[in-house]
N, C-alpha and C. Protein backbone atom coordinates (compact mmCIF):
# COMPACT_ATOMS: atom_id res chain seq x y z
N UNK A 1 73.24 106.56 121.96
CA UNK A 1 72.37 107.18 122.93
C UNK A 1 70.99 106.53 122.85
N UNK A 2 70.40 106.37 124.00
CA UNK A 2 69.07 105.82 124.10
C UNK A 2 68.07 106.97 124.00
N UNK A 3 67.01 106.83 123.19
CA UNK A 3 66.03 107.91 123.09
C UNK A 3 65.47 108.29 124.46
N UNK A 4 65.27 109.60 124.66
CA UNK A 4 64.76 110.09 125.94
C UNK A 4 63.43 109.39 126.26
N UNK A 5 63.26 109.02 127.50
CA UNK A 5 62.04 108.35 127.92
C UNK A 5 62.17 106.84 127.93
N UNK A 6 63.22 106.32 127.28
CA UNK A 6 63.42 104.87 127.24
C UNK A 6 64.64 104.45 128.03
N UNK A 7 65.30 105.40 128.72
CA UNK A 7 66.51 105.08 129.45
C UNK A 7 66.26 104.04 130.53
N UNK A 8 65.21 104.22 131.34
CA UNK A 8 64.95 103.29 132.43
C UNK A 8 64.66 101.89 131.89
N UNK A 9 63.93 101.82 130.79
CA UNK A 9 63.65 100.53 130.15
C UNK A 9 64.94 99.87 129.69
N UNK A 10 65.83 100.65 129.11
CA UNK A 10 67.11 100.11 128.65
C UNK A 10 67.98 99.66 129.82
N UNK A 11 67.99 100.44 130.89
CA UNK A 11 68.77 100.07 132.07
C UNK A 11 68.25 98.76 132.64
N UNK A 12 66.93 98.61 132.72
CA UNK A 12 66.35 97.36 133.23
C UNK A 12 66.73 96.18 132.35
N UNK A 13 66.72 96.38 131.04
CA UNK A 13 67.08 95.30 130.12
C UNK A 13 68.54 94.89 130.29
N UNK A 14 69.46 95.86 130.31
CA UNK A 14 70.88 95.56 130.46
C UNK A 14 71.16 94.93 131.81
N UNK A 15 70.56 95.46 132.86
CA UNK A 15 70.76 94.90 134.21
C UNK A 15 70.25 93.47 134.27
N UNK A 16 69.12 93.21 133.64
CA UNK A 16 68.57 91.85 133.61
C UNK A 16 69.48 90.88 132.87
N UNK A 17 70.02 91.32 131.74
CA UNK A 17 70.93 90.46 130.97
C UNK A 17 72.20 90.17 131.77
N UNK A 18 72.75 91.20 132.39
CA UNK A 18 73.97 91.01 133.19
C UNK A 18 73.69 90.09 134.36
N UNK A 19 72.56 90.29 135.04
CA UNK A 19 72.21 89.45 136.18
C UNK A 19 72.04 88.00 135.78
N UNK A 20 71.48 87.76 134.60
CA UNK A 20 71.30 86.39 134.12
C UNK A 20 72.64 85.71 133.88
N UNK A 21 73.67 86.51 133.62
CA UNK A 21 75.01 85.97 133.40
C UNK A 21 75.82 85.94 134.69
N UNK A 22 75.21 86.35 135.80
CA UNK A 22 75.91 86.35 137.08
C UNK A 22 76.86 87.52 137.26
N UNK A 23 76.65 88.59 136.51
CA UNK A 23 77.52 89.76 136.59
C UNK A 23 76.81 90.85 137.39
N UNK A 24 77.50 91.38 138.39
CA UNK A 24 76.95 92.50 139.15
C UNK A 24 77.09 93.76 138.31
N UNK A 25 76.00 94.48 138.14
CA UNK A 25 76.02 95.66 137.28
C UNK A 25 75.16 96.74 137.89
N UNK A 26 75.67 97.94 137.85
CA UNK A 26 74.90 99.10 138.26
C UNK A 26 74.89 100.03 137.05
N UNK A 27 73.73 100.28 136.52
CA UNK A 27 73.61 101.13 135.34
C UNK A 27 73.03 102.48 135.73
N UNK A 28 73.45 103.52 135.02
CA UNK A 28 72.94 104.87 135.26
C UNK A 28 72.53 105.48 133.92
N UNK A 29 71.64 106.45 133.98
CA UNK A 29 71.23 107.17 132.78
C UNK A 29 72.37 108.10 132.38
N UNK A 30 72.73 108.08 131.11
CA UNK A 30 73.80 108.92 130.61
C UNK A 30 73.36 110.37 130.45
N UNK A 31 74.29 111.17 129.98
CA UNK A 31 74.02 112.59 129.77
C UNK A 31 73.75 112.90 128.31
N UNK A 32 73.83 114.16 127.98
CA UNK A 32 73.54 114.60 126.61
C UNK A 32 74.71 114.37 125.67
N UNK A 33 75.90 114.13 126.23
CA UNK A 33 77.07 113.85 125.41
C UNK A 33 77.97 112.86 126.13
N UNK A 34 79.05 112.47 125.48
CA UNK A 34 79.96 111.47 126.03
C UNK A 34 80.52 111.90 127.38
N UNK A 35 80.98 113.13 127.45
CA UNK A 35 81.61 113.60 128.69
C UNK A 35 80.63 113.59 129.86
N UNK A 36 79.42 114.04 129.64
CA UNK A 36 78.45 114.06 130.75
C UNK A 36 77.99 112.65 131.11
N UNK A 37 77.98 111.74 130.16
CA UNK A 37 77.63 110.34 130.45
C UNK A 37 78.70 109.70 131.34
N UNK A 38 79.97 109.94 131.02
CA UNK A 38 81.05 109.40 131.85
C UNK A 38 81.01 110.03 133.24
N UNK A 39 80.73 111.32 133.31
CA UNK A 39 80.62 111.98 134.61
C UNK A 39 79.51 111.36 135.45
N UNK A 40 78.39 111.01 134.82
CA UNK A 40 77.29 110.36 135.55
C UNK A 40 77.73 109.00 136.07
N UNK A 41 78.48 108.27 135.28
CA UNK A 41 79.00 106.98 135.73
C UNK A 41 79.98 107.14 136.89
N UNK A 42 80.86 108.12 136.80
CA UNK A 42 81.81 108.38 137.89
C UNK A 42 81.08 108.71 139.19
N UNK A 43 80.04 109.51 139.09
CA UNK A 43 79.29 109.91 140.28
C UNK A 43 78.59 108.73 140.95
N UNK A 44 78.31 107.69 140.19
CA UNK A 44 77.58 106.54 140.73
C UNK A 44 78.50 105.46 141.31
N UNK A 45 79.81 105.62 141.17
CA UNK A 45 80.73 104.59 141.63
C UNK A 45 80.80 104.50 143.15
N UNK A 46 80.98 103.29 143.65
CA UNK A 46 81.24 103.10 145.08
C UNK A 46 82.60 103.69 145.41
N UNK A 47 82.77 104.09 146.67
CA UNK A 47 84.01 104.73 147.11
C UNK A 47 85.24 103.85 146.96
N UNK A 48 85.08 102.54 146.99
CA UNK A 48 86.24 101.65 146.96
C UNK A 48 86.73 101.34 145.54
N UNK A 49 86.10 101.87 144.52
CA UNK A 49 86.53 101.65 143.14
C UNK A 49 87.72 102.56 142.85
N UNK A 50 88.84 101.96 142.43
CA UNK A 50 90.03 102.77 142.16
C UNK A 50 90.50 102.71 140.71
N UNK A 51 89.96 101.78 139.92
CA UNK A 51 90.28 101.70 138.50
C UNK A 51 88.97 101.81 137.72
N UNK A 52 88.95 102.72 136.73
CA UNK A 52 87.75 102.95 135.93
C UNK A 52 88.08 102.69 134.47
N UNK A 53 87.22 101.92 133.80
CA UNK A 53 87.34 101.69 132.37
C UNK A 53 86.16 102.37 131.69
N UNK A 54 86.45 103.10 130.62
CA UNK A 54 85.41 103.77 129.84
C UNK A 54 85.40 103.11 128.47
N UNK A 55 84.24 102.52 128.13
CA UNK A 55 84.15 101.76 126.88
C UNK A 55 83.07 102.34 125.97
N UNK A 56 83.34 102.33 124.70
CA UNK A 56 82.43 102.82 123.68
C UNK A 56 81.56 101.65 123.21
N UNK A 57 80.26 101.73 123.41
CA UNK A 57 79.36 100.64 123.04
C UNK A 57 79.42 100.33 121.54
N UNK A 58 79.86 101.28 120.74
CA UNK A 58 79.99 101.03 119.30
C UNK A 58 81.14 100.08 118.99
N UNK A 59 81.94 99.75 119.99
CA UNK A 59 83.02 98.78 119.83
C UNK A 59 82.61 97.47 120.51
N UNK A 60 81.46 96.97 120.11
CA UNK A 60 80.84 95.84 120.80
C UNK A 60 81.52 94.50 120.55
N UNK A 61 82.45 94.41 119.63
CA UNK A 61 83.16 93.15 119.38
C UNK A 61 84.54 93.12 120.04
N UNK A 62 84.80 94.08 120.92
CA UNK A 62 86.08 94.13 121.62
C UNK A 62 86.32 92.83 122.37
N UNK A 63 87.46 92.18 122.13
CA UNK A 63 87.74 90.93 122.83
C UNK A 63 87.95 91.16 124.33
N UNK A 64 87.49 90.24 125.16
CA UNK A 64 87.68 90.38 126.62
C UNK A 64 89.14 90.59 127.01
N UNK A 65 90.08 89.99 126.29
CA UNK A 65 91.48 90.15 126.65
C UNK A 65 91.93 91.60 126.57
N UNK A 66 91.34 92.38 125.67
CA UNK A 66 91.70 93.79 125.58
C UNK A 66 91.28 94.53 126.85
N UNK A 67 90.13 94.20 127.38
CA UNK A 67 89.65 94.79 128.63
C UNK A 67 90.61 94.42 129.76
N UNK A 68 90.99 93.15 129.81
CA UNK A 68 91.91 92.66 130.85
C UNK A 68 93.25 93.37 130.75
N UNK A 69 93.77 93.53 129.53
CA UNK A 69 95.08 94.17 129.33
C UNK A 69 95.07 95.63 129.79
N UNK A 70 94.02 96.35 129.48
CA UNK A 70 93.93 97.77 129.86
C UNK A 70 93.86 97.89 131.38
N UNK A 71 93.00 97.10 132.01
CA UNK A 71 92.87 97.16 133.47
C UNK A 71 94.19 96.78 134.14
N UNK A 72 94.87 95.77 133.60
CA UNK A 72 96.14 95.33 134.19
C UNK A 72 97.20 96.43 134.10
N UNK A 73 97.23 97.17 133.00
CA UNK A 73 98.21 98.25 132.85
C UNK A 73 97.96 99.37 133.87
N UNK A 74 96.69 99.67 134.15
CA UNK A 74 96.39 100.69 135.15
C UNK A 74 96.80 100.16 136.53
N UNK A 75 96.45 98.91 136.81
CA UNK A 75 96.81 98.33 138.12
C UNK A 75 98.33 98.24 138.30
N UNK A 76 99.06 98.16 137.18
CA UNK A 76 100.52 98.09 137.25
C UNK A 76 101.16 99.47 137.44
N UNK A 77 100.35 100.53 137.46
CA UNK A 77 100.91 101.85 137.77
C UNK A 77 100.67 102.95 136.77
N UNK A 78 100.16 102.64 135.58
CA UNK A 78 99.90 103.71 134.60
C UNK A 78 98.66 104.49 135.03
N UNK A 79 98.72 105.82 135.05
CA UNK A 79 97.55 106.60 135.46
C UNK A 79 96.42 106.60 134.42
N UNK A 80 96.80 106.43 133.15
CA UNK A 80 95.83 106.42 132.05
C UNK A 80 96.35 105.51 130.96
N UNK A 81 95.45 104.69 130.40
CA UNK A 81 95.85 103.69 129.40
C UNK A 81 94.82 103.65 128.28
N UNK A 82 95.30 103.62 127.04
CA UNK A 82 94.42 103.42 125.90
C UNK A 82 94.99 102.30 125.03
N UNK A 83 94.11 101.47 124.45
CA UNK A 83 94.59 100.51 123.47
C UNK A 83 94.66 101.21 122.11
N UNK A 84 95.63 100.82 121.30
CA UNK A 84 95.75 101.41 119.97
C UNK A 84 96.28 100.41 118.97
N UNK A 85 95.83 100.56 117.73
CA UNK A 85 96.30 99.70 116.65
C UNK A 85 97.09 100.55 115.65
N UNK A 86 98.07 99.92 115.02
CA UNK A 86 98.91 100.62 114.05
C UNK A 86 98.08 101.08 112.86
N UNK A 87 98.50 102.18 112.28
CA UNK A 87 97.86 102.74 111.09
C UNK A 87 98.50 102.10 109.86
N UNK A 88 97.68 101.57 108.97
CA UNK A 88 98.24 100.93 107.78
C UNK A 88 98.12 101.81 106.54
N UNK A 89 97.26 102.80 106.58
CA UNK A 89 97.08 103.70 105.44
C UNK A 89 98.05 104.87 105.53
N UNK A 90 98.30 105.51 104.39
CA UNK A 90 99.04 106.76 104.39
C UNK A 90 98.12 107.84 104.94
N UNK A 91 98.65 108.68 105.83
CA UNK A 91 97.84 109.71 106.47
C UNK A 91 98.44 111.07 106.15
N UNK A 92 97.58 112.01 105.77
CA UNK A 92 98.01 113.37 105.46
C UNK A 92 97.15 114.36 106.24
N UNK A 93 97.77 115.42 106.69
CA UNK A 93 97.03 116.54 107.28
C UNK A 93 96.63 117.47 106.14
N UNK A 94 95.40 117.99 106.20
CA UNK A 94 94.92 118.92 105.17
C UNK A 94 94.32 120.15 105.84
N UNK A 95 94.25 121.24 105.07
CA UNK A 95 93.61 122.44 105.60
C UNK A 95 92.11 122.36 105.34
N UNK A 96 91.36 123.42 105.68
CA UNK A 96 89.91 123.40 105.55
C UNK A 96 89.45 123.25 104.11
N UNK A 97 90.30 123.59 103.15
CA UNK A 97 89.95 123.44 101.73
C UNK A 97 90.33 122.06 101.20
N UNK A 98 90.93 121.23 102.06
CA UNK A 98 91.32 119.89 101.62
C UNK A 98 92.69 119.84 100.99
N UNK A 99 93.45 120.92 101.07
CA UNK A 99 94.79 120.97 100.48
C UNK A 99 95.79 120.38 101.49
N UNK A 100 96.60 119.41 101.04
CA UNK A 100 97.57 118.81 101.96
C UNK A 100 98.53 119.84 102.53
N UNK A 101 98.84 119.66 103.82
CA UNK A 101 99.80 120.53 104.51
C UNK A 101 100.99 119.67 104.86
N UNK A 102 102.06 119.83 104.11
CA UNK A 102 103.25 119.01 104.34
C UNK A 102 103.08 117.63 103.71
N UNK A 103 104.04 116.79 103.96
CA UNK A 103 104.01 115.44 103.41
C UNK A 103 103.20 114.49 104.28
N UNK A 104 103.24 113.22 103.93
CA UNK A 104 102.51 112.23 104.72
C UNK A 104 103.07 112.16 106.14
N UNK A 105 102.20 111.88 107.10
CA UNK A 105 102.63 111.71 108.48
C UNK A 105 103.32 110.36 108.64
N UNK A 106 104.23 110.26 109.57
CA UNK A 106 104.94 109.01 109.81
C UNK A 106 104.01 108.03 110.51
N UNK A 107 103.47 107.09 109.75
CA UNK A 107 102.48 106.18 110.32
C UNK A 107 103.07 105.23 111.36
N UNK A 108 104.38 105.06 111.36
CA UNK A 108 105.00 104.22 112.39
C UNK A 108 104.79 104.82 113.78
N UNK A 109 104.58 106.13 113.85
CA UNK A 109 104.39 106.81 115.13
C UNK A 109 102.92 107.05 115.45
N UNK A 110 102.01 106.55 114.62
CA UNK A 110 100.58 106.79 114.81
C UNK A 110 99.85 105.53 115.27
N UNK A 111 98.81 105.72 116.07
CA UNK A 111 97.95 104.62 116.51
C UNK A 111 96.50 105.09 116.44
N UNK A 112 95.62 104.19 116.03
CA UNK A 112 94.19 104.43 116.09
C UNK A 112 93.75 104.01 117.49
N UNK A 113 93.26 104.95 118.26
CA UNK A 113 92.93 104.69 119.66
C UNK A 113 91.55 104.05 119.77
N UNK A 114 91.47 103.05 120.62
CA UNK A 114 90.24 102.29 120.83
C UNK A 114 89.78 102.43 122.29
N UNK A 115 88.85 101.59 122.67
CA UNK A 115 88.40 101.48 124.05
C UNK A 115 88.37 100.01 124.41
N UNK A 116 88.29 99.68 125.69
CA UNK A 116 88.11 100.59 126.81
C UNK A 116 89.38 101.37 127.10
N UNK A 117 89.18 102.58 127.58
CA UNK A 117 90.28 103.38 128.08
C UNK A 117 90.26 103.23 129.60
N UNK A 118 91.43 103.05 130.19
CA UNK A 118 91.49 102.80 131.63
C UNK A 118 92.18 103.93 132.36
N UNK A 119 91.73 104.17 133.59
CA UNK A 119 92.25 105.28 134.38
C UNK A 119 92.26 104.94 135.86
N UNK A 120 93.23 105.51 136.55
CA UNK A 120 93.07 105.57 138.00
C UNK A 120 91.88 106.49 138.23
N UNK A 121 91.03 106.11 139.12
CA UNK A 121 89.80 106.88 139.33
C UNK A 121 90.08 108.34 139.65
N UNK A 122 91.05 108.60 140.52
CA UNK A 122 91.33 109.98 140.91
C UNK A 122 91.77 110.82 139.72
N UNK A 123 92.51 110.22 138.80
CA UNK A 123 92.98 110.94 137.60
C UNK A 123 91.81 111.31 136.70
N UNK A 124 90.93 110.35 136.44
CA UNK A 124 89.78 110.62 135.58
C UNK A 124 88.83 111.61 136.23
N UNK A 125 88.63 111.48 137.54
CA UNK A 125 87.73 112.41 138.24
C UNK A 125 88.28 113.84 138.18
N UNK A 126 89.58 113.98 138.40
CA UNK A 126 90.21 115.30 138.34
C UNK A 126 90.04 115.91 136.94
N UNK A 127 90.21 115.10 135.90
CA UNK A 127 90.07 115.60 134.52
C UNK A 127 88.64 116.06 134.25
N UNK A 128 87.67 115.28 134.71
CA UNK A 128 86.27 115.65 134.50
C UNK A 128 85.89 116.88 135.32
N UNK A 129 86.39 116.94 136.55
CA UNK A 129 86.11 118.12 137.38
C UNK A 129 86.66 119.38 136.74
N UNK A 130 87.88 119.29 136.23
CA UNK A 130 88.51 120.46 135.57
C UNK A 130 87.73 120.86 134.33
N UNK A 131 87.32 119.88 133.54
CA UNK A 131 86.58 120.19 132.32
C UNK A 131 85.24 120.85 132.64
N UNK A 132 84.57 120.36 133.69
CA UNK A 132 83.26 120.91 134.05
C UNK A 132 83.36 122.29 134.67
N UNK A 133 84.35 122.49 135.54
CA UNK A 133 84.42 123.76 136.27
C UNK A 133 85.07 124.88 135.47
N UNK A 134 86.00 124.53 134.61
CA UNK A 134 86.74 125.56 133.89
C UNK A 134 86.27 125.77 132.46
N UNK A 135 85.46 124.84 131.95
CA UNK A 135 85.00 124.97 130.58
C UNK A 135 86.15 125.09 129.61
N UNK A 136 87.21 124.31 129.85
CA UNK A 136 88.41 124.38 129.02
C UNK A 136 88.08 124.13 127.55
N UNK A 137 88.53 125.00 126.64
CA UNK A 137 88.29 124.77 125.22
C UNK A 137 88.83 123.41 124.76
N UNK A 138 89.99 123.01 125.32
CA UNK A 138 90.56 121.71 124.95
C UNK A 138 89.63 120.59 125.38
N UNK A 139 88.98 120.75 126.54
CA UNK A 139 88.08 119.73 127.05
C UNK A 139 86.84 119.62 126.18
N UNK A 140 86.35 120.75 125.70
CA UNK A 140 85.16 120.73 124.86
C UNK A 140 85.44 120.04 123.54
N UNK A 141 86.69 120.12 123.06
CA UNK A 141 87.06 119.49 121.80
C UNK A 141 87.52 118.05 121.99
N UNK A 142 87.67 117.60 123.23
CA UNK A 142 88.18 116.26 123.49
C UNK A 142 87.24 115.21 122.93
N UNK A 143 87.80 114.27 122.20
CA UNK A 143 86.99 113.21 121.61
C UNK A 143 86.99 111.94 122.45
N UNK A 144 87.78 111.92 123.51
CA UNK A 144 87.80 110.78 124.41
C UNK A 144 88.30 111.22 125.78
N UNK A 145 88.21 110.33 126.76
CA UNK A 145 88.61 110.69 128.11
C UNK A 145 90.11 110.82 128.26
N UNK A 146 90.88 110.09 127.47
CA UNK A 146 92.33 110.23 127.53
C UNK A 146 92.74 111.65 127.15
N UNK A 147 92.04 112.25 126.22
CA UNK A 147 92.33 113.63 125.83
C UNK A 147 92.07 114.59 126.99
N UNK A 148 91.01 114.35 127.76
CA UNK A 148 90.74 115.19 128.93
C UNK A 148 91.87 115.08 129.95
N UNK A 149 92.36 113.87 130.14
CA UNK A 149 93.44 113.62 131.10
C UNK A 149 94.72 114.30 130.63
N UNK A 150 94.99 114.25 129.33
CA UNK A 150 96.20 114.87 128.79
C UNK A 150 96.19 116.38 128.95
N UNK A 151 95.00 117.01 128.94
CA UNK A 151 94.91 118.45 129.14
C UNK A 151 95.53 118.84 130.48
N UNK A 152 95.44 117.93 131.47
CA UNK A 152 96.00 118.19 132.79
C UNK A 152 97.49 117.86 132.87
N UNK A 153 98.06 117.37 131.77
CA UNK A 153 99.48 117.04 131.77
C UNK A 153 99.78 115.63 132.24
N UNK A 154 98.78 114.80 132.39
CA UNK A 154 98.97 113.42 132.82
C UNK A 154 99.33 112.55 131.62
N UNK A 155 100.39 111.74 131.74
CA UNK A 155 100.78 110.90 130.61
C UNK A 155 99.78 109.76 130.37
N UNK A 156 99.62 109.41 129.11
CA UNK A 156 98.74 108.31 128.70
C UNK A 156 99.60 107.23 128.07
N UNK A 157 99.44 106.01 128.56
CA UNK A 157 100.17 104.85 128.02
C UNK A 157 99.33 104.18 126.95
N UNK A 158 99.97 103.79 125.85
CA UNK A 158 99.27 103.06 124.79
C UNK A 158 99.69 101.60 124.84
N UNK A 159 98.70 100.71 124.95
CA UNK A 159 98.95 99.27 124.90
C UNK A 159 98.40 98.75 123.58
N UNK A 160 98.85 97.57 123.15
CA UNK A 160 98.33 97.06 121.86
C UNK A 160 96.82 96.86 121.88
N UNK A 161 96.17 97.37 120.85
CA UNK A 161 94.74 97.14 120.66
C UNK A 161 94.54 95.93 119.76
N UNK A 162 93.33 95.70 119.36
CA UNK A 162 93.02 94.55 118.52
C UNK A 162 92.09 94.98 117.38
N UNK A 163 92.31 94.40 116.22
CA UNK A 163 91.51 94.75 115.05
C UNK A 163 90.01 94.53 115.29
N UNK A 164 89.65 93.52 116.08
CA UNK A 164 88.24 93.21 116.32
C UNK A 164 87.51 94.30 117.09
N UNK A 165 88.25 95.21 117.70
CA UNK A 165 87.65 96.29 118.50
C UNK A 165 87.31 97.51 117.66
N UNK A 166 87.06 97.30 116.38
CA UNK A 166 86.73 98.43 115.51
C UNK A 166 85.37 99.02 115.89
N UNK A 167 85.18 100.27 115.54
CA UNK A 167 83.96 101.01 115.88
C UNK A 167 82.92 100.78 114.79
N UNK A 168 81.71 100.45 115.21
CA UNK A 168 80.62 100.19 114.25
C UNK A 168 79.73 101.43 114.21
N UNK A 169 79.98 102.26 113.20
CA UNK A 169 79.22 103.51 113.07
C UNK A 169 78.66 103.74 111.67
N UNK A 170 79.15 103.00 110.69
CA UNK A 170 78.72 103.20 109.30
C UNK A 170 78.17 101.88 108.76
N UNK A 171 77.42 101.92 107.68
CA UNK A 171 76.89 100.67 107.10
C UNK A 171 78.00 99.65 106.78
N UNK A 172 79.15 100.11 106.28
CA UNK A 172 80.24 99.20 105.98
C UNK A 172 80.75 98.51 107.25
N UNK A 173 80.81 99.25 108.35
CA UNK A 173 81.24 98.68 109.63
C UNK A 173 80.28 97.58 110.07
N UNK A 174 78.99 97.83 109.88
CA UNK A 174 77.98 96.84 110.26
C UNK A 174 78.12 95.58 109.41
N UNK A 175 78.38 95.75 108.13
CA UNK A 175 78.59 94.58 107.26
C UNK A 175 79.82 93.79 107.71
N UNK A 176 80.88 94.49 108.07
CA UNK A 176 82.09 93.83 108.56
C UNK A 176 81.80 93.10 109.87
N UNK A 177 81.06 93.73 110.77
CA UNK A 177 80.72 93.10 112.05
C UNK A 177 79.91 91.83 111.82
N UNK A 178 78.95 91.89 110.91
CA UNK A 178 78.17 90.69 110.59
C UNK A 178 79.04 89.58 110.03
N UNK A 179 80.01 89.94 109.19
CA UNK A 179 80.92 88.94 108.63
C UNK A 179 81.79 88.31 109.73
N UNK A 180 82.26 89.14 110.65
CA UNK A 180 83.07 88.62 111.76
C UNK A 180 82.25 87.67 112.62
N UNK A 181 81.02 88.06 112.95
CA UNK A 181 80.16 87.21 113.77
C UNK A 181 79.81 85.91 113.06
N UNK A 182 79.57 85.99 111.76
CA UNK A 182 79.27 84.77 110.99
C UNK A 182 80.48 83.84 110.97
N UNK A 183 81.67 84.40 110.81
CA UNK A 183 82.89 83.59 110.82
C UNK A 183 83.06 82.91 112.18
N UNK A 184 82.79 83.65 113.26
CA UNK A 184 82.89 83.05 114.59
C UNK A 184 81.85 81.95 114.78
N UNK A 185 80.63 82.18 114.26
CA UNK A 185 79.56 81.18 114.38
C UNK A 185 79.93 79.91 113.65
N UNK A 186 80.43 80.07 112.44
CA UNK A 186 80.82 78.91 111.63
C UNK A 186 82.02 78.20 112.29
N UNK A 187 82.98 79.00 112.77
CA UNK A 187 84.16 78.43 113.43
C UNK A 187 83.81 77.68 114.70
N UNK A 188 82.82 78.17 115.44
CA UNK A 188 82.43 77.52 116.69
C UNK A 188 81.73 76.19 116.41
N UNK A 189 81.13 76.05 115.24
CA UNK A 189 80.41 74.83 114.91
C UNK A 189 81.29 73.77 114.29
N UNK A 190 82.52 74.13 113.92
CA UNK A 190 83.39 73.14 113.27
C UNK A 190 84.36 72.56 114.27
N UNK A 191 84.83 71.40 113.99
CA UNK A 191 85.87 70.76 114.83
C UNK A 191 87.07 70.43 113.97
N UNK A 192 88.22 70.56 114.57
CA UNK A 192 89.46 70.32 113.81
C UNK A 192 90.06 69.01 114.25
């Protein structure tokens, strides 16, 4: 989130960077939370936009091919698409006291969901409208837009994600991101 009062400055900066790269961009001020920020973006879309991708800026190393794959899956007919990577750790459900409930979850059936998440515009708009008008408890607990869509009973397709699309939210993540960028910098300077 951009500190209040600096949104317009940030929008001008991002728009200027995109324009310098020849990319058409329309930026809007976000809301107080993820859901209201996406709703603001939806409200600003031109009428002819039929596929919407929602991306988490904390996943700033997401490869362009992942964006292409998600958009292609929506254009191929999926109403909602998320990229996901396989879980390599053992996962257990625990109660509020930290006591395991049952055995380990079957990690073969689990995916860590990433972004961008892709949607037919009408599907995402309907999910946001329902969440805003009905104040659904499930919607308030939703951690992503695919969860809002699932509340309406719409199926979500999972396509392969990529390890590079990890979320940078902790100091360790930042160290990993710096290592990845350094490796790319060194790799770009070498010839084989």
